[in-house]
C-alpha atoms as a PDB file:
ATOM      1  CA  MET A   1     -14.716  30.106 322.468  1.00  0.00           C
ATOM      2  CA  LYS A   2     -17.498  32.261 323.850  1.00  0.00           C
ATOM      3  CA  ILE A   3     -19.636  31.177 326.784  1.00  0.00           C
ATOM      4  CA  GLU A   4     -23.091  32.703 326.481  1.00  0.00           C
ATOM      5  CA  GLN A   5     -24.960  30.849 329.210  1.00  0.00           C
ATOM      6  CA  VAL A   6     -24.316  28.511 332.117  1.00  0.00           C
ATOM      7  CA  LYS A   7     -27.000  26.408 333.791  1.00  0.00           C
ATOM      8  CA  LEU A   8     -26.250  25.088 337.260  1.00  0.00           C
ATOM      9  CA  LYS A   9     -28.442  22.544 339.052  1.00  0.00           C
ATOM     10  CA  GLY A  10     -27.474  21.177 342.436  1.00  0.00           C
ATOM     11  CA  PHE A  11     -23.966  22.613 342.314  1.00  0.00           C
ATOM     12  CA  ARG A  12     -22.802  23.871 345.705  1.00  0.00           C
ATOM     13  CA  ASN A  13     -25.101  26.776 346.640  1.00  0.00           C
ATOM     14  CA  TYR A  14     -26.875  26.814 343.239  1.00  0.00           C
ATOM     15  CA  LYS A  15     -30.088  24.780 343.404  1.00  0.00           C
ATOM     16  CA  ASP A  16     -31.289  25.766 339.913  1.00  0.00           C
ATOM     17  CA  ALA A  17     -29.735  28.805 338.219  1.00  0.00           C
ATOM     18  CA  THR A  18     -29.182  30.132 334.718  1.00  0.00           C
ATOM     19  CA  ILE A  19     -26.469  32.760 334.252  1.00  0.00           C
ATOM     20  CA  ASN A  20     -26.310  34.646 330.957  1.00  0.00           C
ATOM     21  CA  PHE A  21     -23.068  36.241 329.808  1.00  0.00           C
ATOM     22  CA  ASN A  22     -22.499  39.026 327.300  1.00  0.00           C
ATOM     23  CA  ASN A  23     -19.287  40.571 325.968  1.00  0.00           C
ATOM     24  CA  ASN A  24     -18.552  42.505 329.168  1.00  0.00           C
ATOM     25  CA  THR A  25     -19.892  40.477 332.072  1.00  0.00           C
ATOM     26  CA  LEU A  26     -18.616  41.182 335.585  1.00  0.00           C
ATOM     27  CA  ILE A  27     -19.155  38.825 338.483  1.00  0.00           C
ATOM     28  CA  ILE A  28     -19.835  40.982 341.531  1.00  0.00           C
ATOM     29  CA  GLY A  29     -21.930  40.576 344.667  1.00  0.00           C
ATOM     30  CA  GLU A  30     -22.096  40.441 348.418  1.00  0.00           C
ATOM     31  CA  ASN A  31     -20.141  37.917 350.452  1.00  0.00           C
ATOM     32  CA  ASP A  32     -21.481  34.354 350.439  1.00  0.00           C
ATOM     33  CA  VAL A  33     -23.663  34.600 347.303  1.00  0.00           C
ATOM     34  CA  GLY A  34     -21.719  32.150 345.108  1.00  0.00           C
ATOM     35  CA  LYS A  35     -19.235  34.180 343.044  1.00  0.00           C
ATOM     36  CA  THR A  36     -16.383  31.778 343.717  1.00  0.00           C
ATOM     37  CA  ASN A  37     -18.650  28.773 343.129  1.00  0.00           C
ATOM     38  CA  LEU A  38     -19.575  30.178 339.714  1.00  0.00           C
ATOM     39  CA  ILE A  39     -15.893  30.643 338.832  1.00  0.00           C
ATOM     40  CA  TYR A  40     -15.177  27.088 340.008  1.00  0.00           C
ATOM     41  CA  ALA A  41     -18.033  25.737 337.855  1.00  0.00           C
ATOM     42  CA  LEU A  42     -16.554  27.519 334.832  1.00  0.00           C
ATOM     43  CA  ARG A  43     -13.122  26.075 335.645  1.00  0.00           C
ATOM     44  CA  LEU A  44     -14.599  22.563 335.865  1.00  0.00           C
ATOM     45  CA  MET A  45     -16.149  22.968 332.429  1.00  0.00           C
ATOM     46  CA  LEU A  46     -12.986  24.340 330.826  1.00  0.00           C
ATOM     47  CA  ASP A  47     -10.235  22.353 332.592  1.00  0.00           C
ATOM     48  CA  ARG A  48     -10.811  18.606 332.282  1.00  0.00           C
ATOM     49  CA  SER A  49      -8.012  17.835 334.769  1.00  0.00           C
ATOM     50  CA  LEU A  50     -10.105  19.291 337.631  1.00  0.00           C
ATOM     51  CA  SER A  51     -12.970  16.838 337.150  1.00  0.00           C
ATOM     52  CA  GLU A  52     -10.828  13.756 337.781  1.00  0.00           C
END
């Protein structure tokens, strides 16, 4: 499976965001910009047991 794009609307600190991924995407940034929230959104999409 390859994730090419994620759209987040109203998820934690993301009001309306589109994140594009390529083969070598790194998630980096300052503190408090939403890196962990993005990882959690990906986990929710991939691990059905978290959404229960």
